Amino acid sequence: MAPAADREGYWGPTTSTLDWCEENYAVTWFIAEFWNTVSNLIMIIPPIFGAIQSVRDGLEKRYIASYLALTVVGMGSWCFHMTLKYEMQLLDELPMIYSCCIFVYCMFECFKMKNSVNYHLLFILVLFSLIVTTVYLKVKEPIFHQVMYGMLVFTLVLRSIYIVTWVYPWLRGLGYTSLGIFLLGFLLWNIDNIFCDSLRNFRKKMPPIIGVATQFHAWWHILTGLGSYLHILFSLYTRTLYLRYRPKVKFLFGIWPVILFEPLRKH
């Protein structure tokens, strides 16, 4: 976490319960944590295109919701790191819970009839979200939120391992790439928290471009944004395989992964 002595800027005093290691208002007077803010673009822009493509392809609404939920997380995180206000912190952290609940629903409904609805699972996930929201608004303890988020991620990891071990082993590459990138982001998140003082001192001695490379919370956004996006692709690939489509992962401009598929033709 950041030391207490940070300058103020356009948005006034910090009211959030968390203040990360990036120096506040160091780049511009209008953005509290510049690199932690702009790094959210990876969670905002690509999922919007994913949602648009899902609508065009006539995919189930749960996958459109998955893409849009990731975009909402990115937008909330942008607002939080830009302002360091408590209300914006909630706009970041609570959608993390809600988006993961959508991901869990998708992963556990991969092998059902098309457009089916599991009302029991929906009820459990909505109830979980309401309980977490109510408790978190009351206790305002970030560790509680982190534990609840971790439980959801762990559930997704177990389900993914089951699928690549017992159902579609040839999806191990995509599944483990998503998981590995996310875990690398989690590692950098912890380094940023634990060694904040050392990182800040290091940045003071280094050229700015090297200092930017040590903004590990920004890297957490980039890596978990990419990992979450790849998880949606993994979930979508699993689902469309079950529905007897022909999914393929393609790379736009040789860089960004997307899923293209066509329905299985009837003879």
C-alpha atoms as a PDB file:
ATOM      1  CA  MET A   1       0.000   0.000   0.000  1.00  0.00           C
ATOM      2  CA  ALA A   2       1.025   3.583  -0.514  1.00  0.00           C
ATOM      3  CA  PRO A   3       2.693   5.628   2.240  1.00  0.00           C
ATOM      4  CA  ALA A   4       0.506   8.333   3.755  1.00  0.00           C
ATOM      5  CA  ALA A   5       2.422  11.319   2.354  1.00  0.00           C
ATOM      6  CA  ASP A   6       0.924  11.783  -1.115  1.00  0.00           C
ATOM      7  CA  ARG A   7      -0.022  15.013  -2.818  1.00  0.00           C
ATOM      8  CA  GLU A   8      -3.621  16.035  -3.492  1.00  0.00           C
ATOM      9  CA  GLY A   9      -5.040  16.899  -6.881  1.00  0.00           C
ATOM     10  CA  TYR A  10      -8.241  17.648  -8.776  1.00  0.00           C
ATOM     11  CA  TRP A  11     -10.399  15.112  -6.906  1.00  0.00           C
ATOM     12  CA  GLY A  12      -9.419  16.315  -3.442  1.00  0.00           C
ATOM     13  CA  PRO A  13      -8.561  14.204  -0.387  1.00  0.00           C
ATOM     14  CA  THR A  14      -8.546  10.416  -0.649  1.00  0.00           C
ATOM     15  CA  THR A  15     -11.648   8.817   0.872  1.00  0.00           C
ATOM     16  CA  SER A  16     -11.166   5.230  -0.350  1.00  0.00           C
ATOM     17  CA  THR A  17     -10.156   2.536   2.142  1.00  0.00           C
ATOM     18  CA  LEU A  18      -7.282   1.584  -0.187  1.00  0.00           C
ATOM     19  CA  ASP A  19      -4.528   3.701  -1.718  1.00  0.00           C
ATOM     20  CA  TRP A  20      -2.141   1.812  -3.954  1.00  0.00           C
ATOM     21  CA  CYS A  21       1.606   2.113  -4.426  1.00  0.00           C
ATOM     22  CA  GLU A  22       1.588   4.434  -7.434  1.00  0.00           C
ATOM     23  CA  GLU A  23       2.454   8.006  -6.458  1.00  0.00           C
ATOM     24  CA  ASN A  24      -0.714  10.129  -6.439  1.00  0.00           C
ATOM     25  CA  TYR A  25      -1.097  12.901  -9.033  1.00  0.00           C
ATOM     26  CA  ALA A  26       2.491  12.364 -10.188  1.00  0.00           C
ATOM     27  CA  VAL A  27       1.662  12.460 -13.927  1.00  0.00           C
ATOM     28  CA  THR A  28      -1.294  14.823 -14.108  1.00  0.00           C
ATOM     29  CA  TRP A  29      -3.306  16.924 -11.658  1.00  0.00           C
ATOM     30  CA  PHE A  30      -6.541  15.373 -12.983  1.00  0.00           C
ATOM     31  CA  ILE A  31      -5.795  11.668 -12.364  1.00  0.00           C
ATOM     32  CA  ALA A  32      -4.783  10.371  -8.934  1.00  0.00           C
ATOM     33  CA  GLU A  33      -3.089   7.176 -10.142  1.00  0.00           C
ATOM     34  CA  PHE A  34      -2.383   7.653 -13.827  1.00  0.00           C
ATOM     35  CA  TRP A  35      -0.932   4.268 -14.777  1.00  0.00           C
ATOM     36  CA  ASN A  36      -3.358   2.356 -12.562  1.00  0.00           C
ATOM     37  CA  THR A  37      -6.124   4.212 -14.409  1.00  0.00           C
ATOM     38  CA  VAL A  38      -5.149   3.922 -18.074  1.00  0.00           C
ATOM     39  CA  SER A  39      -4.173   0.250 -17.660  1.00  0.00           C
ATOM     40  CA  ASN A  40      -7.901  -0.490 -17.343  1.00  0.00           C
ATOM     41  CA  LEU A  41      -8.379   0.119 -21.062  1.00  0.00           C
ATOM     42  CA  ILE A  42      -7.608  -3.565 -21.672  1.00  0.00           C
ATOM     43  CA  MET A  43     -10.688  -4.428 -19.605  1.00  0.00           C
ATOM     44  CA  ILE A  44     -12.911  -1.836 -21.267  1.00  0.00           C
ATOM     45  CA  ILE A  45     -12.363  -1.836 -25.030  1.00  0.00           C
ATOM     46  CA  PRO A  46     -11.805  -5.486 -26.106  1.00  0.00           C
ATOM     47  CA  PRO A  47     -14.820  -6.863 -24.177  1.00  0.00           C
ATOM     48  CA  ILE A  48     -17.080  -4.282 -25.854  1.00  0.00           C
ATOM     49  CA  PHE A  49     -16.086  -5.665 -29.244  1.00  0.00           C
ATOM     50  CA  GLY A  50     -16.543  -9.178 -27.846  1.00  0.00           C
ATOM     51  CA  ALA A  51     -20.087  -8.332 -26.764  1.00  0.00           C
ATOM     52  CA  ILE A  52     -20.900  -6.814 -30.171  1.00  0.00           C
ATOM     53  CA  GLN A  53     -19.557  -9.908 -31.938  1.00  0.00           C
ATOM     54  CA  SER A  54     -21.567 -12.152 -29.595  1.00  0.00           C
ATOM     55  CA  VAL A  55     -24.762 -10.289 -30.503  1.00  0.00           C
ATOM     56  CA  ARG A  56     -23.973 -10.626 -34.213  1.00  0.00           C
ATOM     57  CA  ASP A  57     -23.291 -14.339 -33.811  1.00  0.00           C
ATOM     58  CA  GLY A  58     -26.551 -14.872 -31.920  1.00  0.00           C
ATOM     59  CA  LEU A  59     -24.816 -16.261 -28.844  1.00  0.00           C
ATOM     60  CA  GLU A  60     -26.581 -16.787 -25.555  1.00  0.00           C
ATOM     61  CA  LYS A  61     -27.102 -13.655 -23.474  1.00  0.00           C
ATOM     62  CA  ARG A  62     -24.932 -14.983 -20.652  1.00  0.00           C
ATOM     63  CA  TYR A  63     -21.829 -14.497 -22.797  1.00  0.00           C
ATOM     64  CA  ILE A  64     -22.840 -11.009 -23.823  1.00  0.00           C
ATOM     65  CA  ALA A  65     -23.297 -10.331 -20.100  1.00  0.00           C
ATOM     66  CA  SER A  66     -19.826 -11.767 -19.383  1.00  0.00           C
ATOM     67  CA  TYR A  67     -18.128  -9.397 -21.807  1.00  0.00           C
ATOM     68  CA  LEU A  68     -20.115  -6.394 -20.608  1.00  0.00           C
ATOM     69  CA  ALA A  69     -19.481  -7.261 -16.954  1.00  0.00           C
ATOM     70  CA  LEU A  70     -15.731  -7.196 -17.603  1.00  0.00           C
ATOM     71  CA  THR A  71     -16.144  -3.791 -19.243  1.00  0.00           C
ATOM     72  CA  VAL A  72     -18.060  -2.525 -16.201  1.00  0.00           C
ATOM     73  CA  VAL A  73     -15.243  -3.744 -13.920  1.00  0.00           C
ATOM     74  CA  GLY A  74     -12.728  -1.861 -16.069  1.00  0.00           C
ATOM     75  CA  MET A  75     -14.800   1.320 -16.035  1.00  0.00           C
ATOM     76  CA  GLY A  76     -15.299   1.094 -12.272  1.00  0.00           C
ATOM     77  CA  SER A  77     -11.592   0.535 -11.737  1.00  0.00           C
ATOM     78  CA  TRP A  78     -10.837   3.497 -14.006  1.00  0.00           C
ATOM     79  CA  CYS A  79     -13.078   5.747 -11.874  1.00  0.00           C
ATOM     80  CA  PHE A  80     -11.615   4.429  -8.620  1.00  0.00           C
ATOM     81  CA  HIS A  81      -7.954   4.908  -9.513  1.00  0.00           C
ATOM     82  CA  MET A  82      -8.655   8.249 -11.166  1.00  0.00           C
ATOM     83  CA  THR A  83     -10.333   9.676  -8.052  1.00  0.00           C
ATOM     84  CA  LEU A  84      -9.438   7.479  -5.045  1.00  0.00           C
ATOM     85  CA  LYS A  85     -12.953   8.131  -3.749  1.00  0.00           C
ATOM     86  CA  TYR A  86     -14.792   5.511  -1.651  1.00  0.00           C
ATOM     87  CA  GLU A  87     -17.884   5.546  -3.872  1.00  0.00           C
ATOM     88  CA  MET A  88     -15.733   4.852  -6.927  1.00  0.00           C
ATOM     89  CA  GLN A  89     -13.937   2.086  -5.020  1.00  0.00           C
ATOM     90  CA  LEU A  90     -17.287   0.337  -4.619  1.00  0.00           C
ATOM     91  CA  LEU A  91     -17.889   0.825  -8.346  1.00  0.00           C
ATOM     92  CA  ASP A  92     -14.689  -1.140  -8.899  1.00  0.00           C
ATOM     93  CA  GLU A  93     -14.897  -3.844  -6.241  1.00  0.00           C
ATOM     94  CA  LEU A  94     -18.565  -4.853  -6.251  1.00  0.00           C
ATOM     95  CA  PRO A  95     -18.702  -5.456 -10.045  1.00  0.00           C
ATOM     96  CA  MET A  96     -15.701  -7.770  -9.555  1.00  0.00           C
ATOM     97  CA  ILE A  97     -17.993  -9.980  -7.462  1.00  0.00           C
ATOM     98  CA  TYR A  98     -20.917  -9.699  -9.864  1.00  0.00           C
ATOM     99  CA  SER A  99     -18.833 -10.421 -12.974  1.00  0.00           C
ATOM    100  CA  CYS A 100     -17.289 -13.498 -11.356  1.00  0.00           C
ATOM    101  CA  CYS A 101     -20.779 -14.756 -10.499  1.00  0.00           C
ATOM    102  CA  ILE A 102     -21.686 -14.468 -14.187  1.00  0.00           C
ATOM    103  CA  PHE A 103     -18.499 -16.355 -15.103  1.00  0.00           C
ATOM    104  CA  VAL A 104     -19.375 -19.091 -12.594  1.00  0.00           C
ATOM    105  CA  TYR A 105     -22.862 -19.416 -14.037  1.00  0.00           C
ATOM    106  CA  CYS A 106     -21.486 -19.763 -17.563  1.00  0.00           C
ATOM    107  CA  MET A 107     -18.914 -22.373 -16.542  1.00  0.00           C
ATOM    108  CA  PHE A 108     -21.424 -24.570 -14.730  1.00  0.00           C
ATOM    109  CA  GLU A 109     -23.997 -24.307 -17.529  1.00  0.00           C
ATOM    110  CA  CYS A 110     -21.653 -25.217 -20.385  1.00  0.00           C
ATOM    111  CA  PHE A 111     -23.190 -28.652 -20.868  1.00  0.00           C
ATOM    112  CA  LYS A 112     -26.889 -27.839 -20.898  1.00  0.00           C
ATOM    113  CA  MET A 113     -29.417 -27.375 -23.692  1.00  0.00           C
ATOM    114  CA  LYS A 114     -29.170 -24.134 -25.647  1.00  0.00           C
ATOM    115  CA  ASN A 115     -30.865 -21.146 -23.975  1.00  0.00           C
ATOM    116  CA  SER A 116     -31.637 -23.197 -20.857  1.00  0.00           C
ATOM    117  CA  VAL A 117     -31.856 -21.358 -17.542  1.00  0.00           C
ATOM    118  CA  ASN A 118     -30.751 -22.812 -14.198  1.00  0.00           C
ATOM    119  CA  TYR A 119     -32.907 -20.848 -11.784  1.00  0.00           C
ATOM    120  CA  HIS A 120     -31.496 -22.593  -8.719  1.00  0.00           C
ATOM    121  CA  LEU A 121     -27.920 -21.593  -9.575  1.00  0.00           C
ATOM    122  CA  LEU A 122     -29.086 -18.095 -10.503  1.00  0.00           C
ATOM    123  CA  PHE A 123     -30.782 -17.749  -7.119  1.00  0.00           C
ATOM    124  CA  ILE A 124     -27.662 -18.925  -5.251  1.00  0.00           C
ATOM    125  CA  LEU A 125     -25.367 -16.517  -7.126  1.00  0.00           C
ATOM    126  CA  VAL A 126     -27.726 -13.554  -6.759  1.00  0.00           C
ATOM    127  CA  LEU A 127     -28.123 -14.309  -3.048  1.00  0.00           C
ATOM    128  CA  PHE A 128     -24.342 -14.580  -2.663  1.00  0.00           C
ATOM    129  CA  SER A 129     -23.887 -11.222  -4.403  1.00  0.00           C
ATOM    130  CA  LEU A 130     -26.491  -9.563  -2.193  1.00  0.00           C
ATOM    131  CA  ILE A 131     -24.944 -10.949   1.003  1.00  0.00           C
ATOM    132  CA  VAL A 132     -21.428  -9.902  -0.005  1.00  0.00           C
ATOM    133  CA  THR A 133     -22.672  -6.439  -0.989  1.00  0.00           C
ATOM    134  CA  THR A 134     -24.605  -5.949   2.267  1.00  0.00           C
ATOM    135  CA  VAL A 135     -21.790  -7.170   4.513  1.00  0.00           C
ATOM    136  CA  TYR A 136     -19.111  -5.208   2.649  1.00  0.00           C
ATOM    137  CA  LEU A 137     -21.085  -1.964   2.801  1.00  0.00           C
ATOM    138  CA  LYS A 138     -21.396  -2.476   6.559  1.00  0.00           C
ATOM    139  CA  VAL A 139     -17.877  -3.615   7.515  1.00  0.00           C
ATOM    140  CA  LYS A 140     -15.900  -1.724   4.815  1.00  0.00           C
ATOM    141  CA  GLU A 141     -13.060  -4.232   5.179  1.00  0.00           C
ATOM    142  CA  PRO A 142     -11.106  -4.782   1.906  1.00  0.00           C
ATOM    143  CA  ILE A 143      -9.843  -8.179   3.090  1.00  0.00           C
ATOM    144  CA  PHE A 144     -13.448  -9.433   3.245  1.00  0.00           C
ATOM    145  CA  HIS A 145     -13.965  -8.418  -0.372  1.00  0.00           C
ATOM    146  CA  GLN A 146     -10.666 -10.008  -1.415  1.00  0.00           C
ATOM    147  CA  VAL A 147     -11.556 -13.320   0.272  1.00  0.00           C
ATOM    148  CA  MET A 148     -15.006 -13.424  -1.350  1.00  0.00           C
ATOM    149  CA  TYR A 149     -13.509 -12.621  -4.750  1.00  0.00           C
ATOM    150  CA  GLY A 150     -10.844 -15.266  -4.204  1.00  0.00           C
ATOM    151  CA  MET A 151     -13.512 -17.880  -3.445  1.00  0.00           C
ATOM    152  CA  LEU A 152     -15.215 -17.186  -6.766  1.00  0.00           C
ATOM    153  CA  VAL A 153     -11.932 -17.293  -8.696  1.00  0.00           C
ATOM    154  CA  PHE A 154     -11.007 -20.576  -6.971  1.00  0.00           C
ATOM    155  CA  THR A 155     -14.378 -22.035  -8.012  1.00  0.00           C
ATOM    156  CA  LEU A 156     -13.671 -21.024 -11.621  1.00  0.00           C
ATOM    157  CA  VAL A 157     -10.198 -22.574 -11.454  1.00  0.00           C
ATOM    158  CA  LEU A 158     -11.543 -25.905 -10.166  1.00  0.00           C
ATOM    159  CA  ARG A 159     -14.255 -26.010 -12.826  1.00  0.00           C
ATOM    160  CA  SER A 160     -11.757 -25.158 -15.567  1.00  0.00           C
ATOM    161  CA  ILE A 161      -9.366 -27.884 -14.421  1.00  0.00           C
ATOM    162  CA  TYR A 162     -12.229 -30.374 -14.462  1.00  0.00           C
ATOM    163  CA  ILE A 163     -13.129 -29.445 -18.039  1.00  0.00           C
ATOM    164  CA  VAL A 164      -9.576 -29.625 -19.427  1.00  0.00           C
ATOM    165  CA  THR A 165      -8.865 -32.849 -17.520  1.00  0.00           C
ATOM    166  CA  TRP A 166     -12.008 -34.883 -18.105  1.00  0.00           C
ATOM    167  CA  VAL A 167     -14.061 -33.280 -20.898  1.00  0.00           C
ATOM    168  CA  TYR A 168     -11.985 -31.355 -23.468  1.00  0.00           C
ATOM    169  CA  PRO A 169      -8.267 -32.058 -22.808  1.00  0.00           C
ATOM    170  CA  TRP A 170      -7.297 -30.235 -26.015  1.00  0.00           C
ATOM    171  CA  LEU A 171      -8.407 -26.970 -24.381  1.00  0.00           C
ATOM    172  CA  ARG A 172      -5.603 -27.158 -21.816  1.00  0.00           C
ATOM    173  CA  GLY A 173      -3.556 -24.571 -23.712  1.00  0.00           C
ATOM    174  CA  LEU A 174      -6.269 -21.918 -23.578  1.00  0.00           C
ATOM    175  CA  GLY A 175      -7.423 -22.796 -20.059  1.00  0.00           C
ATOM    176  CA  TYR A 176      -3.968 -22.863 -18.492  1.00  0.00           C
ATOM    177  CA  THR A 177      -2.832 -19.765 -20.382  1.00  0.00           C
ATOM    178  CA  SER A 178      -5.764 -17.848 -18.920  1.00  0.00           C
ATOM    179  CA  LEU A 179      -4.991 -19.161 -15.438  1.00  0.00           C
ATOM    180  CA  GLY A 180      -1.233 -18.565 -15.722  1.00  0.00           C
ATOM    181  CA  ILE A 181      -1.623 -14.965 -16.866  1.00  0.00           C
ATOM    182  CA  PHE A 182      -4.103 -14.272 -14.057  1.00  0.00           C
ATOM    183  CA  LEU A 183      -1.781 -15.801 -11.433  1.00  0.00           C
ATOM    184  CA  LEU A 184       1.163 -13.766 -12.729  1.00  0.00           C
ATOM    185  CA  GLY A 185      -0.962 -10.647 -12.256  1.00  0.00           C
ATOM    186  CA  PHE A 186      -1.810 -11.785  -8.718  1.00  0.00           C
ATOM    187  CA  LEU A 187       1.900 -12.261  -7.973  1.00  0.00           C
ATOM    188  CA  LEU A 188       2.696  -8.721  -9.136  1.00  0.00           C
ATOM    189  CA  TRP A 189      -0.264  -7.372  -7.119  1.00  0.00           C
ATOM    190  CA  ASN A 190       1.271  -8.878  -3.977  1.00  0.00           C
ATOM    191  CA  ILE A 191       4.766  -7.593  -4.795  1.00  0.00           C
ATOM    192  CA  ASP A 192       3.302  -4.098  -5.265  1.00  0.00           C
ATOM    193  CA  ASN A 193       1.619  -4.289  -1.873  1.00  0.00           C
ATOM    194  CA  ILE A 194       4.467  -5.830   0.119  1.00  0.00           C
ATOM    195  CA  PHE A 195       7.424  -3.947  -1.327  1.00  0.00           C
ATOM    196  CA  CYS A 196       5.812  -0.566  -1.967  1.00  0.00           C
ATOM    197  CA  ASP A 197       8.413   1.509  -0.097  1.00  0.00           C
ATOM    198  CA  SER A 198      11.271  -0.201  -1.912  1.00  0.00           C
ATOM    199  CA  LEU A 199       9.562   0.238  -5.286  1.00  0.00           C
ATOM    200  CA  ARG A 200       8.994   3.949  -4.671  1.00  0.00           C
ATOM    201  CA  ASN A 201      12.618   4.468  -3.679  1.00  0.00           C
ATOM    202  CA  PHE A 202      13.744   2.544  -6.754  1.00  0.00           C
ATOM    203  CA  ARG A 203      11.611   4.743  -9.030  1.00  0.00           C
ATOM    204  CA  LYS A 204      13.178   7.900  -7.628  1.00  0.00           C
ATOM    205  CA  LYS A 205      16.606   6.707  -8.777  1.00  0.00           C
ATOM    206  CA  MET A 206      15.592   5.353 -12.192  1.00  0.00           C
ATOM    207  CA  PRO A 207      14.578   7.025 -15.491  1.00  0.00           C
ATOM    208  CA  PRO A 208      10.789   7.509 -15.758  1.00  0.00           C
ATOM    209  CA  ILE A 209      10.342   4.762 -18.372  1.00  0.00           C
ATOM    210  CA  ILE A 210      11.860   2.184 -16.011  1.00  0.00           C
ATOM    211  CA  GLY A 211       9.764   3.532 -13.169  1.00  0.00           C
ATOM    212  CA  VAL A 212       6.615   2.995 -15.228  1.00  0.00           C
ATOM    213  CA  ALA A 213       7.597  -0.644 -15.769  1.00  0.00           C
ATOM    214  CA  THR A 214       7.541  -1.148 -11.977  1.00  0.00           C
ATOM    215  CA  GLN A 215       3.926   0.005 -11.612  1.00  0.00           C
ATOM    216  CA  PHE A 216       2.899  -3.536 -10.726  1.00  0.00           C
ATOM    217  CA  HIS A 217      -0.701  -2.709  -9.849  1.00  0.00           C
ATOM    218  CA  ALA A 218      -1.113  -1.453 -13.411  1.00  0.00           C
ATOM    219  CA  TRP A 219       0.379  -4.743 -14.595  1.00  0.00           C
ATOM    220  CA  TRP A 220      -2.188  -6.510 -12.388  1.00  0.00           C
ATOM    221  CA  HIS A 221      -4.914  -4.754 -14.370  1.00  0.00           C
ATOM    222  CA  ILE A 222      -3.351  -5.675 -17.706  1.00  0.00           C
ATOM    223  CA  LEU A 223      -2.706  -9.315 -16.836  1.00  0.00           C
ATOM    224  CA  THR A 224      -5.962 -10.008 -15.011  1.00  0.00           C
ATOM    225  CA  GLY A 225      -7.870  -8.163 -17.728  1.00  0.00           C
ATOM    226  CA  LEU A 226      -6.266 -10.376 -20.364  1.00  0.00           C
ATOM    227  CA  GLY A 227      -6.662 -13.460 -18.174  1.00  0.00           C
ATOM    228  CA  SER A 228     -10.364 -12.731 -17.619  1.00  0.00           C
ATOM    229  CA  TYR A 229     -10.889 -12.098 -21.332  1.00  0.00           C
ATOM    230  CA  LEU A 230      -9.192 -15.415 -22.149  1.00  0.00           C
ATOM    231  CA  HIS A 231     -11.374 -17.110 -19.539  1.00  0.00           C
ATOM    232  CA  ILE A 232     -14.477 -15.857 -21.342  1.00  0.00           C
ATOM    233  CA  LEU A 233     -13.033 -17.276 -24.582  1.00  0.00           C
ATOM    234  CA  PHE A 234     -12.362 -20.578 -22.815  1.00  0.00           C
ATOM    235  CA  SER A 235     -15.907 -20.704 -21.451  1.00  0.00           C
ATOM    236  CA  LEU A 236     -17.353 -19.758 -24.836  1.00  0.00           C
ATOM    237  CA  TYR A 237     -15.176 -22.308 -26.644  1.00  0.00           C
ATOM    238  CA  THR A 238     -16.348 -25.037 -24.248  1.00  0.00           C
ATOM    239  CA  ARG A 239     -19.980 -24.054 -24.710  1.00  0.00           C
ATOM    240  CA  THR A 240     -19.922 -23.851 -28.500  1.00  0.00           C
ATOM    241  CA  LEU A 241     -18.109 -27.193 -28.724  1.00  0.00           C
ATOM    242  CA  TYR A 242     -20.905 -28.777 -26.700  1.00  0.00           C
ATOM    243  CA  LEU A 243     -23.499 -27.143 -28.970  1.00  0.00           C
ATOM    244  CA  ARG A 244     -21.700 -28.747 -31.953  1.00  0.00           C
ATOM    245  CA  TYR A 245     -20.338 -25.540 -33.415  1.00  0.00           C
ATOM    246  CA  ARG A 246     -16.881 -25.287 -34.896  1.00  0.00           C
ATOM    247  CA  PRO A 247     -15.051 -22.744 -32.725  1.00  0.00           C
ATOM    248  CA  LYS A 248     -11.577 -21.537 -33.629  1.00  0.00           C
ATOM    249  CA  VAL A 249      -9.300 -19.068 -31.892  1.00  0.00           C
ATOM    250  CA  LYS A 250      -7.984 -16.464 -34.332  1.00  0.00           C
ATOM    251  CA  PHE A 251      -5.640 -13.551 -33.709  1.00  0.00           C
ATOM    252  CA  LEU A 252      -6.676 -10.100 -34.929  1.00  0.00           C
ATOM    253  CA  PHE A 253      -3.671  -8.324 -36.417  1.00  0.00           C
ATOM    254  CA  GLY A 254      -1.663 -11.329 -35.281  1.00  0.00           C
ATOM    255  CA  ILE A 255      -1.993 -10.191 -31.655  1.00  0.00           C
ATOM    256  CA  TRP A 256      -5.444 -10.203 -30.067  1.00  0.00           C
ATOM    257  CA  PRO A 257      -7.340 -13.526 -29.637  1.00  0.00           C
ATOM    258  CA  VAL A 258     -10.985 -13.844 -30.678  1.00  0.00           C
ATOM    259  CA  ILE A 259     -13.274 -16.814 -31.258  1.00  0.00           C
ATOM    260  CA  LEU A 260     -14.813 -17.406 -34.657  1.00  0.00           C
ATOM    261  CA  PHE A 261     -17.135 -20.307 -35.347  1.00  0.00           C
ATOM    262  CA  GLU A 262     -19.834 -21.630 -37.594  1.00  0.00           C
ATOM    263  CA  PRO A 263     -22.719 -23.984 -36.831  1.00  0.00           C
ATOM    264  CA  LEU A 264     -22.247 -27.617 -37.835  1.00  0.00           C
ATOM    265  CA  ARG A 265     -23.865 -28.099 -41.209  1.00  0.00           C
ATOM    266  CA  LYS A 266     -26.615 -30.646 -41.526  1.00  0.00           C
ATOM    267  CA  HIS A 267     -26.338 -33.167 -44.351  1.00  0.00           C
END
